[in-house]
């Protein structure tokens, strides 16, 4: 194991103050040394009265002194000098944390305490000093130390460090990445002080919570947004990215902010996020350049999108965006090759394999992959694979899947049918739409909405609008189209919108395409493309536009 950083901890006071102030400085220094030693983060060298002075200025704020000049010696990486000044009935405690090798002051901490027995103020001073030292000794923390604040206590540092460990583990976990991100979000939240002095923890709590079960409502995050100008560069870039991508749906701004995050961090997790934004902006070739450079062993996880269906991945999976980018640029052989590489490390990845086979004109093999791997004909994967086959012109293979799907669905009892719809009305609508039975699904979605079992009632209402349009119910479709106009302009500054603008515009495009409003459909789809690229690229709802030259041009890769 690598050697731990070494730190010298000393108490100093001018001779006239060698009474209560110096005693309290000695007490504080001893407690700081014990806390840091017990943490296992550093090797502590306790310096006492009469020993060589460690690097630092004794807490007086007089400037920095190198380790060699002070006698701390070249083997000490950091030094802490703790001092106290008596002022009436109080003692102002101060500490200077120094980089002993560079001879620079890293941080100063001060706290006014009483002059008697230990009390909460002295404990808080010790915690603040220990937390700051731990952060400076951890190279991962360099991005979050500066004008953005630092962990207010040693416990806050531990929580933040644990959060980072859990989050990075989630990037290479297949089975439990959501659990890990949930745990990371909780630890980040513990690190975020009530007064918000460590904003990076708040931003990371929201970031991790998006994919786990953490906070996603946003009010606390939006307090960060309001004071973003006071944050350090990395913190501000991360907050800008989350705000643009999650709350405002501005993917150009999200892309620019995430590029700044990548430049400042060099973290592969953020590079894969940048690749995702590049795909959303129809720049799949740039996405491939980023993704191909990331270490395969370190991150090609095809992560789960839902516990009940491991073949639809989470949108943060690197392998997912690699395969989609290959598909968009037309590299179907490369997509199939990468599918097989990913399978060696994880489970089968059915959807991309079937997608690549369909694009290569091997529909029979695509159907074989599906039927061999997914026993339930009503699986959402079956609906998506049928849509892929239809998109690539293999209607015979698509119909084979659809016949199994519809036969199985119609043999379910009403409760089971509602369950399939509640689980994923969107993919169920794929199958019914392609099978020419759009109107049959409408009452089931409406019943699922009325029972509160669907995750997003607004989204399901928009799906009903598309199904009405496909079934020729023009007036009902127009009613929902007008409602979507309002959904597009609704602002929700303190919480994630139930139906983001891009999704509303995408559904408007699908409805307009079915009722003959081609120009309006293309305008809406162009507007909604960045957030809905996965849907627009092969969605059967847009079947009336599949051969339209303007729609083909919309999907043409731009970079």
Protein backbone atom coordinates (compact mmCIF):
# COMPACT_ATOMS: atom_id res chain seq x y z
CA UNK A 1 0.00 0.00 0.00
CA UNK A 2 1.28 3.52 -0.71
CA UNK A 3 2.60 5.47 2.27
CA UNK A 4 0.16 7.83 3.91
CA UNK A 5 0.79 11.58 3.76
CA UNK A 6 2.52 12.82 6.91
CA UNK A 7 1.30 15.82 8.87
CA UNK A 8 2.84 17.71 11.77
CA UNK A 9 0.39 19.14 14.32
CA UNK A 10 1.59 21.74 16.82
CA UNK A 11 0.21 24.24 19.31
CA UNK A 12 1.89 27.61 19.62
CA UNK A 13 1.26 30.72 21.70
CA UNK A 14 3.36 33.76 22.49
CA UNK A 15 4.93 33.51 26.00
CA UNK A 16 2.66 36.20 27.51
CA UNK A 17 -0.32 34.08 26.47
CA UNK A 18 0.99 30.81 27.91
CA UNK A 19 -2.05 30.46 30.11
CA UNK A 20 -5.59 29.53 29.11
CA UNK A 21 -5.04 30.34 25.41
CA UNK A 22 -2.01 28.06 25.08
CA UNK A 23 -3.67 25.33 27.13
CA UNK A 24 -6.67 25.40 24.85
CA UNK A 25 -4.38 25.43 21.79
CA UNK A 26 -2.61 22.34 23.18
CA UNK A 27 -5.96 20.67 23.84
CA UNK A 28 -7.21 21.46 20.34
CA UNK A 29 -3.98 20.33 18.67
CA UNK A 30 -4.03 17.05 20.56
CA UNK A 31 -7.65 16.39 19.61
CA UNK A 32 -6.99 17.26 15.94
CA UNK A 33 -3.99 14.90 15.92
CA UNK A 34 -6.09 12.11 17.45
CA UNK A 35 -8.96 12.64 14.99
CA UNK A 36 -6.67 12.60 11.97
CA UNK A 37 -4.69 9.64 13.24
CA UNK A 38 -7.85 7.63 13.90
CA UNK A 39 -9.19 8.46 10.43
CA UNK A 40 -6.44 6.44 8.76
CA UNK A 41 -5.99 9.21 6.20
CA UNK A 42 -2.66 10.56 7.39
CA UNK A 43 0.33 9.67 9.54
CA UNK A 44 0.39 12.24 12.34
CA UNK A 45 3.55 13.69 13.86
CA UNK A 46 2.65 15.45 17.11
CA UNK A 47 4.94 18.44 17.74
CA UNK A 48 5.06 19.75 21.32
CA UNK A 49 6.53 22.77 23.07
CA UNK A 50 10.26 22.88 22.49
CA UNK A 51 10.16 20.76 19.33
CA UNK A 52 11.09 22.25 15.92
CA UNK A 53 8.31 24.50 14.66
CA UNK A 54 6.27 22.88 11.86
CA UNK A 55 5.54 24.66 8.64
CA UNK A 56 3.05 27.48 9.07
CA UNK A 57 2.72 30.71 10.97
CA UNK A 58 1.41 29.50 14.30
CA UNK A 59 -2.10 30.60 13.51
CA UNK A 60 -1.11 34.29 13.54
CA UNK A 61 -1.83 34.87 9.84
CA UNK A 62 1.72 36.20 9.33
CA UNK A 63 2.32 34.22 6.14
CA UNK A 64 3.75 30.89 5.06
CA UNK A 65 6.97 29.22 6.08
CA UNK A 66 8.49 26.24 4.29
CA UNK A 67 9.02 22.95 6.06
CA UNK A 68 12.78 23.22 5.68
CA UNK A 69 12.88 26.76 7.11
CA UNK A 70 10.71 25.84 10.07
CA UNK A 71 12.46 22.62 10.95
CA UNK A 72 9.50 20.39 10.09
CA UNK A 73 11.75 18.40 7.80
CA UNK A 74 11.31 17.15 4.22
CA UNK A 75 9.37 14.06 5.33
CA UNK A 76 6.32 16.10 6.38
CA UNK A 77 3.74 16.75 3.66
CA UNK A 78 1.40 19.01 5.65
CA UNK A 79 1.53 20.98 8.87
CA UNK A 80 -1.06 22.48 11.20
CA UNK A 81 -0.25 25.18 13.71
CA UNK A 82 -2.91 25.87 16.32
CA UNK A 83 -2.90 29.07 18.34
CA UNK A 84 -5.15 31.04 20.63
CA UNK A 85 -5.57 34.67 21.61
CA UNK A 86 -7.35 35.66 24.85
CA UNK A 87 -9.91 38.40 24.45
CA UNK A 88 -11.74 39.15 27.65
CA UNK A 89 -13.55 36.02 28.72
CA UNK A 90 -13.09 34.27 25.36
CA UNK A 91 -10.29 32.68 23.38
CA UNK A 92 -10.11 33.14 19.64
CA UNK A 93 -8.77 29.84 18.31
CA UNK A 94 -7.02 29.83 14.94
CA UNK A 95 -5.24 27.26 12.84
CA UNK A 96 -3.11 27.48 9.73
CA UNK A 97 -2.89 24.49 7.40
CA UNK A 98 0.26 24.49 5.27
CA UNK A 99 1.65 22.51 2.38
CA UNK A 100 5.04 21.83 3.97
CA UNK A 101 6.73 20.87 0.70
CA UNK A 102 5.66 23.93 -1.26
CA UNK A 103 5.70 26.32 1.65
CA UNK A 104 2.21 27.66 0.94
CA UNK A 105 -0.71 28.27 3.24
CA UNK A 106 -3.67 26.15 2.19
CA UNK A 107 -6.31 27.28 4.65
CA UNK A 108 -6.96 29.25 7.83
CA UNK A 109 -9.69 28.37 10.29
CA UNK A 110 -10.83 30.55 13.21
CA UNK A 111 -13.45 30.11 15.93
CA UNK A 112 -14.30 32.11 19.05
CA UNK A 113 -14.58 29.83 22.09
CA UNK A 114 -14.96 30.14 25.84
CA UNK A 115 -11.99 30.02 28.18
CA UNK A 116 -13.17 27.20 30.46
CA UNK A 117 -13.91 23.54 29.93
CA UNK A 118 -14.35 22.19 26.36
CA UNK A 119 -17.61 23.31 24.79
CA UNK A 120 -19.37 23.00 21.40
CA UNK A 121 -17.44 25.90 19.88
CA UNK A 122 -14.11 24.20 20.52
CA UNK A 123 -15.44 20.90 19.17
CA UNK A 124 -16.63 22.70 16.05
CA UNK A 125 -13.20 24.30 15.61
CA UNK A 126 -11.50 20.91 15.85
CA UNK A 127 -13.97 19.40 13.36
CA UNK A 128 -13.47 22.22 10.87
CA UNK A 129 -9.69 21.95 10.99
CA UNK A 130 -9.72 18.15 10.70
CA UNK A 131 -12.19 18.29 7.80
CA UNK A 132 -10.11 20.83 5.92
CA UNK A 133 -6.90 18.86 6.42
CA UNK A 134 -8.53 15.64 5.24
CA UNK A 135 -9.82 17.36 2.12
CA UNK A 136 -6.44 18.82 1.21
CA UNK A 137 -4.74 15.48 1.76
CA UNK A 138 -7.16 13.72 -0.66
CA UNK A 139 -6.15 14.40 -4.29
CA UNK A 140 -9.72 13.74 -5.48
CA UNK A 141 -10.91 16.76 -3.52
CA UNK A 142 -8.81 19.29 -5.42
CA UNK A 143 -11.74 20.27 -7.64
CA UNK A 144 -13.94 21.22 -4.69
CA UNK A 145 -11.51 23.23 -2.58
CA UNK A 146 -11.46 26.96 -3.24
CA UNK A 147 -14.11 29.60 -3.49
CA UNK A 148 -16.79 26.90 -3.43
CA UNK A 149 -16.04 26.05 0.19
CA UNK A 150 -14.87 22.76 1.65
CA UNK A 151 -16.21 20.05 3.93
CA UNK A 152 -17.23 21.87 7.13
CA UNK A 153 -16.26 18.92 9.35
CA UNK A 154 -14.29 15.70 9.24
CA UNK A 155 -17.60 13.80 9.19
CA UNK A 156 -18.67 15.85 6.17
CA UNK A 157 -15.42 14.95 4.44
CA UNK A 158 -15.98 11.27 5.19
CA UNK A 159 -19.54 11.47 3.84
CA UNK A 160 -18.40 13.20 0.66
CA UNK A 161 -15.51 10.77 0.16
CA UNK A 162 -17.85 7.82 0.65
CA UNK A 163 -20.26 9.39 -1.85
CA UNK A 164 -17.51 9.64 -4.45
CA UNK A 165 -16.46 6.02 -3.88
CA UNK A 166 -20.04 4.77 -4.22
CA UNK A 167 -20.70 6.88 -7.28
CA UNK A 168 -17.56 5.73 -9.12
CA UNK A 169 -18.34 2.11 -8.22
CA UNK A 170 -21.78 2.56 -9.76
CA UNK A 171 -20.15 3.47 -13.08
CA UNK A 172 -18.79 -0.08 -13.42
CA UNK A 173 -21.61 -2.01 -11.76
CA UNK A 174 -24.21 -3.91 -13.74
CA UNK A 175 -26.41 -5.46 -11.09
CA UNK A 176 -26.92 -2.71 -8.53
CA UNK A 177 -25.91 0.61 -10.06
CA UNK A 178 -29.18 2.26 -8.95
CA UNK A 179 -28.66 1.13 -5.34
CA UNK A 180 -25.11 2.48 -5.41
CA UNK A 181 -26.21 5.83 -6.81
CA UNK A 182 -28.97 6.05 -4.20
CA UNK A 183 -26.43 5.39 -1.45
CA UNK A 184 -24.07 7.95 -3.00
CA UNK A 185 -26.81 10.59 -3.10
CA UNK A 186 -27.58 10.01 0.59
CA UNK A 187 -23.92 10.37 1.60
CA UNK A 188 -23.55 13.53 -0.49
CA UNK A 189 -26.63 14.93 1.22
CA UNK A 190 -25.06 14.19 4.62
CA UNK A 191 -21.96 16.10 3.54
CA UNK A 192 -24.00 19.17 2.55
CA UNK A 193 -24.09 21.46 5.58
CA UNK A 194 -27.33 23.23 6.54
CA UNK A 195 -25.80 26.60 5.74
CA UNK A 196 -24.71 25.36 2.32
CA UNK A 197 -21.00 26.04 2.87
CA UNK A 198 -20.07 23.01 0.76
CA UNK A 199 -22.19 23.44 -2.39
CA UNK A 200 -20.36 20.72 -4.33
CA UNK A 201 -22.01 18.17 -2.03
CA UNK A 202 -25.45 19.55 -2.85
CA UNK A 203 -24.78 19.43 -6.60
CA UNK A 204 -23.44 15.86 -6.40
CA UNK A 205 -26.42 14.78 -4.28
CA UNK A 206 -28.75 15.89 -7.03
CA UNK A 207 -26.54 14.45 -9.78
CA UNK A 208 -26.42 11.00 -8.18
CA UNK A 209 -30.07 11.16 -7.17
CA UNK A 210 -31.20 11.44 -10.79
CA UNK A 211 -30.38 7.77 -11.39
CA UNK A 212 -31.09 6.42 -7.94
CA UNK A 213 -33.77 7.20 -5.41
CA UNK A 214 -32.35 10.51 -4.20
CA UNK A 215 -33.81 14.00 -4.22
CA UNK A 216 -35.09 14.99 -7.66
CA UNK A 217 -37.65 17.68 -6.77
CA UNK A 218 -35.07 20.41 -7.05
CA UNK A 219 -35.90 23.26 -4.59
CA UNK A 220 -32.63 22.89 -2.70
CA UNK A 221 -30.73 22.54 -5.94
CA UNK A 222 -32.29 25.74 -7.28
CA UNK A 223 -30.89 27.64 -4.32
CA UNK A 224 -27.49 26.64 -5.71
CA UNK A 225 -28.52 27.90 -9.15
CA UNK A 226 -29.39 31.32 -7.73
CA UNK A 227 -25.91 31.76 -6.29
CA UNK A 228 -23.96 30.03 -9.03
CA UNK A 229 -21.74 33.07 -9.68
CA UNK A 230 -20.15 32.61 -6.26
CA UNK A 231 -19.15 29.02 -6.96
CA UNK A 232 -15.79 27.72 -8.09
CA UNK A 233 -15.36 26.91 -11.79
CA UNK A 234 -16.07 23.19 -11.52
CA UNK A 235 -19.05 23.61 -9.21
CA UNK A 236 -20.55 26.28 -11.45
CA UNK A 237 -20.10 24.16 -14.57
CA UNK A 238 -21.76 21.14 -12.90
CA UNK A 239 -24.67 23.25 -11.63
CA UNK A 240 -25.06 24.85 -15.08
CA UNK A 241 -25.17 21.41 -16.69
CA UNK A 242 -27.78 19.96 -14.32
CA UNK A 243 -29.91 23.09 -14.61
CA UNK A 244 -29.77 23.11 -18.44
CA UNK A 245 -30.27 19.38 -19.01
CA UNK A 246 -32.71 18.44 -16.24
CA UNK A 247 -34.77 21.56 -15.64
CA UNK A 248 -34.63 23.71 -18.79
CA UNK A 249 -34.16 21.05 -21.47
CA UNK A 250 -31.56 23.27 -23.19
CA UNK A 251 -29.19 20.65 -24.55
CA UNK A 252 -26.89 23.10 -26.34
CA UNK A 253 -26.26 24.85 -23.02
CA UNK A 254 -25.96 21.46 -21.29
CA UNK A 255 -23.38 20.35 -23.86
CA UNK A 256 -21.30 23.53 -23.38
CA UNK A 257 -21.44 23.26 -19.59
CA UNK A 258 -20.50 19.59 -19.61
CA UNK A 259 -17.53 20.28 -21.86
CA UNK A 260 -16.30 22.66 -19.15
CA UNK A 261 -16.86 19.95 -16.53
CA UNK A 262 -14.83 17.46 -18.59
CA UNK A 263 -12.00 19.96 -19.12
CA UNK A 264 -11.82 20.64 -15.39
CA UNK A 265 -12.16 17.05 -14.15
CA UNK A 266 -10.97 14.59 -16.81
CA UNK A 267 -13.39 12.11 -15.25
CA UNK A 268 -14.60 9.32 -17.61
CA UNK A 269 -18.05 9.46 -16.02
CA UNK A 270 -18.45 13.01 -17.30
CA UNK A 271 -16.93 12.16 -20.68
CA UNK A 272 -19.61 9.53 -21.21
CA UNK A 273 -22.19 12.16 -20.24
CA UNK A 274 -20.73 14.50 -22.81
CA UNK A 275 -21.02 11.74 -25.40
CA UNK A 276 -24.71 11.40 -24.47
CA UNK A 277 -25.26 15.13 -25.02
CA UNK A 278 -23.40 14.90 -28.35
CA UNK A 279 -25.77 12.17 -29.52
CA UNK A 280 -28.75 14.25 -28.42
CA UNK A 281 -27.43 17.11 -30.57
CA UNK A 282 -26.99 14.71 -33.52
CA UNK A 283 -23.19 14.65 -33.28
CA UNK A 284 -22.71 10.89 -33.01
CA UNK A 285 -19.22 10.85 -34.56
CA UNK A 286 -17.89 13.11 -31.83
CA UNK A 287 -19.62 10.87 -29.29
CA UNK A 288 -17.80 7.86 -30.75
CA UNK A 289 -14.44 9.65 -30.45
CA UNK A 290 -15.11 10.20 -26.73
CA UNK A 291 -16.49 6.75 -26.00
CA UNK A 292 -13.84 4.80 -27.89
CA UNK A 293 -11.15 6.52 -25.81
CA UNK A 294 -12.62 5.37 -22.48
CA UNK A 295 -11.05 2.26 -21.02
CA UNK A 296 -13.19 -0.76 -21.89
CA UNK A 297 -12.40 -2.73 -18.75
CA UNK A 298 -13.16 0.30 -16.62
CA UNK A 299 -16.55 1.13 -17.88
CA UNK A 300 -18.30 -0.74 -20.68
CA UNK A 301 -21.26 -1.62 -18.51
CA UNK A 302 -24.62 -2.04 -20.09
CA UNK A 303 -26.55 -0.92 -17.05
CA UNK A 304 -30.12 -1.80 -16.25
CA UNK A 305 -32.93 0.57 -17.07
CA UNK A 306 -35.43 -1.23 -14.86
CA UNK A 307 -35.26 -4.10 -12.44
CA UNK A 308 -37.97 -5.98 -14.31
CA UNK A 309 -36.38 -5.59 -17.72
CA UNK A 310 -32.57 -5.75 -17.89
CA UNK A 311 -32.50 -5.33 -21.65
CA UNK A 312 -33.45 -1.67 -21.74
CA UNK A 313 -30.46 0.16 -20.28
CA UNK A 314 -30.19 3.25 -18.16
CA UNK A 315 -29.44 6.40 -20.12
CA UNK A 316 -26.13 6.90 -18.35
CA UNK A 317 -24.58 3.62 -19.55
CA UNK A 318 -21.51 4.15 -21.68
CA UNK A 319 -22.12 1.04 -23.74
CA UNK A 320 -25.65 2.18 -24.50
CA UNK A 321 -24.52 5.45 -26.09
CA UNK A 322 -21.65 3.76 -27.91
CA UNK A 323 -24.08 1.36 -29.59
CA UNK A 324 -26.64 4.03 -30.38
CA UNK A 325 -23.98 6.32 -31.89
CA UNK A 326 -22.74 3.45 -34.08
CA UNK A 327 -26.30 2.79 -35.21
CA UNK A 328 -26.97 6.43 -36.09
CA UNK A 329 -23.83 6.72 -38.25
CA UNK A 330 -24.77 3.46 -40.02
CA UNK A 331 -21.96 1.32 -38.62
CA UNK A 332 -24.19 -1.72 -38.03
CA UNK A 333 -21.36 -4.24 -38.20
CA UNK A 334 -19.47 -2.22 -35.58
CA UNK A 335 -22.59 -2.10 -33.45
CA UNK A 336 -22.94 -5.89 -33.61
CA UNK A 337 -19.26 -6.32 -32.81
CA UNK A 338 -19.54 -4.08 -29.75
CA UNK A 339 -22.67 -5.90 -28.61
CA UNK A 340 -20.66 -9.11 -28.47
CA UNK A 341 -17.79 -7.42 -26.62
CA UNK A 342 -20.20 -6.07 -24.03
CA UNK A 343 -21.89 -9.46 -23.67
CA UNK A 344 -18.57 -10.99 -22.62
CA UNK A 345 -18.57 -8.76 -19.53
CA UNK A 346 -22.26 -8.48 -18.73
CA UNK A 347 -25.53 -10.15 -19.69
CA UNK A 348 -27.16 -10.35 -23.10
CA UNK A 349 -28.00 -7.00 -24.65
CA UNK A 350 -31.01 -8.00 -26.68
CA UNK A 351 -32.35 -4.75 -28.03
CA UNK A 352 -29.14 -3.43 -29.65
CA UNK A 353 -28.33 -6.86 -31.06
CA UNK A 354 -31.77 -7.13 -32.64
CA UNK A 355 -31.49 -3.53 -33.86
CA UNK A 356 -28.17 -4.19 -35.58
CA UNK A 357 -29.40 -7.45 -37.12
CA UNK A 358 -32.55 -5.73 -38.39
CA UNK A 359 -30.50 -2.95 -39.99
CA UNK A 360 -28.28 -5.54 -41.67
CA UNK A 361 -31.35 -7.24 -43.20
CA UNK A 362 -31.13 -10.27 -40.91
CA UNK A 363 -34.64 -10.05 -39.47
CA UNK A 364 -34.97 -13.79 -38.92
CA UNK A 365 -31.92 -13.76 -36.64
CA UNK A 366 -33.31 -10.72 -34.78
CA UNK A 367 -36.55 -12.60 -34.09
CA UNK A 368 -34.52 -15.60 -32.94
CA UNK A 369 -32.51 -13.50 -30.49
CA UNK A 370 -35.73 -12.13 -29.03
CA UNK A 371 -37.67 -15.38 -28.72
CA UNK A 372 -34.69 -17.21 -27.24
CA UNK A 373 -33.98 -14.56 -24.60
CA UNK A 374 -37.35 -13.03 -23.65
CA UNK A 375 -39.98 -15.59 -22.64
CA UNK A 376 -42.77 -13.02 -22.21
CA UNK A 377 -44.16 -12.01 -25.63
CA UNK A 378 -45.59 -8.83 -24.04
CA UNK A 379 -42.18 -7.64 -22.86
CA UNK A 380 -41.45 -4.03 -23.68
CA UNK A 381 -38.36 -5.32 -25.50
CA UNK A 382 -40.60 -7.25 -27.92
CA UNK A 383 -42.46 -4.05 -28.80
CA UNK A 384 -39.23 -2.14 -29.38
CA UNK A 385 -37.68 -4.89 -31.51
CA UNK A 386 -40.85 -5.03 -33.62
CA UNK A 387 -40.57 -1.28 -34.12
CA UNK A 388 -36.91 -1.62 -35.13
CA UNK A 389 -37.71 -4.29 -37.69
CA UNK A 390 -40.56 -2.22 -39.11
CA UNK A 391 -38.32 0.86 -39.24
CA UNK A 392 -35.82 -1.05 -41.36
CA UNK A 393 -38.50 -2.41 -43.69
CA UNK A 394 -38.70 -6.02 -42.48
CA UNK A 395 -42.47 -6.09 -41.94
CA UNK A 396 -42.63 -9.89 -42.07
CA UNK A 397 -40.30 -10.32 -39.10
CA UNK A 398 -42.00 -7.43 -37.25
CA UNK A 399 -45.40 -9.05 -37.76
CA UNK A 400 -44.18 -12.37 -36.36
CA UNK A 401 -43.32 -10.61 -33.11
CA UNK A 402 -46.52 -8.57 -33.13
CA UNK A 403 -48.72 -11.62 -33.58
CA UNK A 404 -47.17 -13.26 -30.51
CA UNK A 405 -47.47 -10.00 -28.57
CA UNK A 406 -51.12 -9.35 -29.40
CA UNK A 407 -52.19 -12.96 -28.86
CA UNK A 408 -50.53 -13.12 -25.46
CA UNK A 409 -51.87 -9.68 -24.42
CA UNK A 410 -55.47 -10.49 -25.36
CA UNK A 411 -55.31 -13.73 -23.36
CA UNK A 412 -54.41 -11.84 -20.15
CA UNK A 413 -57.17 -10.92 -17.73
CA UNK A 414 -58.06 -7.25 -17.32
CA UNK A 415 -55.90 -6.74 -14.23
CA UNK A 416 -52.85 -8.21 -15.96
CA UNK A 417 -53.47 -6.05 -19.03
CA UNK A 418 -53.59 -2.93 -16.87
CA UNK A 419 -50.33 -4.07 -15.28
CA UNK A 420 -48.59 -4.29 -18.67
CA UNK A 421 -49.87 -0.82 -19.58
CA UNK A 422 -48.92 0.70 -16.22
CA UNK A 423 -45.42 -0.74 -16.52
CA UNK A 424 -44.79 0.89 -19.89
CA UNK A 425 -47.73 2.32 -21.82
CA UNK A 426 -45.33 3.85 -24.33
CA UNK A 427 -43.88 0.55 -25.56
CA UNK A 428 -47.28 -1.14 -25.42
CA UNK A 429 -48.53 1.63 -27.69
CA UNK A 430 -45.71 0.73 -30.13
CA UNK A 431 -47.10 -2.77 -30.50
CA UNK A 432 -50.77 -1.78 -30.77
CA UNK A 433 -49.96 1.00 -33.22
CA UNK A 434 -47.93 -1.28 -35.49
CA UNK A 435 -50.60 -3.99 -35.26
CA UNK A 436 -53.29 -1.55 -36.39
CA UNK A 437 -55.13 -1.80 -33.05
CA UNK A 438 -54.41 1.67 -31.63
CA UNK A 439 -57.98 2.32 -30.48
CA UNK A 440 -58.06 -0.92 -28.47
CA UNK A 441 -55.35 0.31 -26.11
CA UNK A 442 -56.86 3.75 -25.34
CA UNK A 443 -59.37 2.66 -22.63
CA UNK A 444 -56.71 0.56 -20.92
CA UNK A 445 -54.31 3.54 -20.65
CA UNK A 446 -57.13 5.73 -19.39
CA UNK A 447 -58.03 3.15 -16.75
CA UNK A 448 -54.39 2.84 -15.68
CA UNK A 449 -54.23 6.67 -15.38
CA UNK A 450 -57.40 6.81 -13.31
CA UNK A 451 -56.03 4.28 -10.81
CA UNK A 452 -52.81 6.28 -10.34
CA UNK A 453 -50.61 3.37 -11.42
CA UNK A 454 -48.76 5.15 -14.24
CA UNK A 455 -45.58 7.06 -13.38
CA UNK A 456 -46.37 10.19 -15.43
CA UNK A 457 -50.07 10.87 -16.19
CA UNK A 458 -49.23 13.73 -18.57
CA UNK A 459 -47.00 11.50 -20.69
CA UNK A 460 -49.68 8.81 -20.86
CA UNK A 461 -52.28 11.42 -21.89
CA UNK A 462 -50.01 12.47 -24.75
CA UNK A 463 -49.72 8.80 -25.83
CA UNK A 464 -53.50 8.61 -25.93
CA UNK A 465 -53.45 11.62 -28.27
CA UNK A 466 -51.16 9.80 -30.69
CA UNK A 467 -53.33 6.68 -30.56
CA UNK A 468 -56.47 8.75 -31.30
CA UNK A 469 -54.67 10.30 -34.28
CA UNK A 470 -53.57 6.88 -35.55
CA UNK A 471 -57.12 5.55 -35.14
CA UNK A 472 -58.58 8.46 -37.15
CA UNK A 473 -60.22 10.20 -34.17
CA UNK A 474 -59.18 13.63 -35.42
CA UNK A 475 -61.14 15.81 -32.98
CA UNK A 476 -59.91 13.93 -29.92
CA UNK A 477 -56.36 14.10 -31.26
CA UNK A 478 -56.66 17.88 -31.87
CA UNK A 479 -57.94 18.37 -28.32
CA UNK A 480 -54.79 16.78 -26.89
CA UNK A 481 -52.62 18.59 -29.44
CA UNK A 482 -53.94 21.93 -28.13
CA UNK A 483 -53.37 20.79 -24.55
CA UNK A 484 -49.75 20.00 -25.45
CA UNK A 485 -49.33 23.61 -26.63
CA UNK A 486 -49.85 24.67 -23.02
CA UNK A 487 -47.54 21.95 -21.73
CA UNK A 488 -44.76 23.25 -23.97
CA UNK A 489 -44.69 26.73 -22.45
CA UNK A 490 -45.35 25.80 -18.81
CA UNK A 491 -42.51 26.84 -16.53
CA UNK A 492 -41.65 24.92 -13.39
CA UNK A 493 -38.62 26.66 -11.80
CA UNK A 494 -38.67 24.78 -8.51
CA UNK A 495 -39.24 21.20 -9.67
CA UNK A 496 -38.73 18.87 -12.59
CA UNK A 497 -41.64 19.34 -15.05
CA UNK A 498 -43.93 16.32 -15.34
CA UNK A 499 -43.74 16.65 -19.12
CA UNK A 500 -40.63 18.41 -20.38
CA UNK A 501 -40.85 20.66 -23.41
CA UNK A 502 -38.95 18.28 -25.68
CA UNK A 503 -41.29 15.41 -24.87
CA UNK A 504 -44.34 17.60 -25.47
CA UNK A 505 -42.98 18.78 -28.83
CA UNK A 506 -42.16 15.21 -29.84
CA UNK A 507 -45.71 14.07 -29.11
CA UNK A 508 -47.09 17.08 -30.99
CA UNK A 509 -45.02 16.01 -33.97
CA UNK A 510 -46.35 12.46 -33.79
CA UNK A 511 -49.98 13.64 -33.63
CA UNK A 512 -49.50 16.19 -36.41
CA UNK A 513 -47.87 13.56 -38.64
CA UNK A 514 -50.94 11.31 -38.38
CA UNK A 515 -53.50 14.03 -39.10
CA UNK A 516 -51.68 15.35 -42.18
CA UNK A 517 -49.99 18.44 -40.70
CA UNK A 518 -46.59 17.55 -42.12
CA UNK A 519 -44.91 20.97 -41.77
CA UNK A 520 -46.04 21.39 -38.17
CA UNK A 521 -44.90 17.86 -37.42
CA UNK A 522 -41.38 18.48 -38.72
CA UNK A 523 -41.07 21.80 -36.85
CA UNK A 524 -42.14 20.14 -33.60
CA UNK A 525 -39.77 17.21 -34.06
CA UNK A 526 -36.84 19.48 -34.87
CA UNK A 527 -37.58 21.38 -31.66
CA UNK A 528 -37.92 18.23 -29.57
CA UNK A 529 -35.06 16.24 -31.11
CA UNK A 530 -32.32 16.81 -28.49
CA UNK A 531 -34.28 15.32 -25.59
CA UNK A 532 -36.12 12.74 -27.69
CA UNK A 533 -33.49 11.45 -30.13
CA UNK A 534 -33.91 7.87 -28.90
CA UNK A 535 -37.62 7.98 -29.65
CA UNK A 536 -37.58 10.00 -32.85
CA UNK A 537 -34.93 7.85 -34.45
CA UNK A 538 -37.02 4.69 -34.82
CA UNK A 539 -40.42 5.45 -33.28
CA UNK A 540 -43.38 3.80 -35.07
CA UNK A 541 -45.51 6.77 -34.01
CA UNK A 542 -43.65 8.67 -36.75
CA UNK A 543 -44.25 6.04 -39.42
CA UNK A 544 -46.07 8.53 -41.72
CA UNK A 545 -42.77 10.46 -42.00
CA UNK A 546 -40.30 7.61 -42.38
CA UNK A 547 -39.91 8.12 -46.13
CA UNK A 548 -40.24 11.91 -46.05
CA UNK A 549 -37.00 13.52 -47.35
CA UNK A 550 -37.21 16.33 -44.79
CA UNK A 551 -37.51 13.81 -41.95
CA UNK A 552 -34.61 11.78 -43.34
CA UNK A 553 -32.55 14.99 -43.43
CA UNK A 554 -33.48 15.74 -39.80
CA UNK A 555 -31.94 12.41 -38.78
CA UNK A 556 -28.78 12.84 -40.86
CA UNK A 557 -25.73 12.94 -38.52
CA UNK A 558 -24.27 16.44 -38.24
CA UNK A 559 -20.97 15.63 -36.63
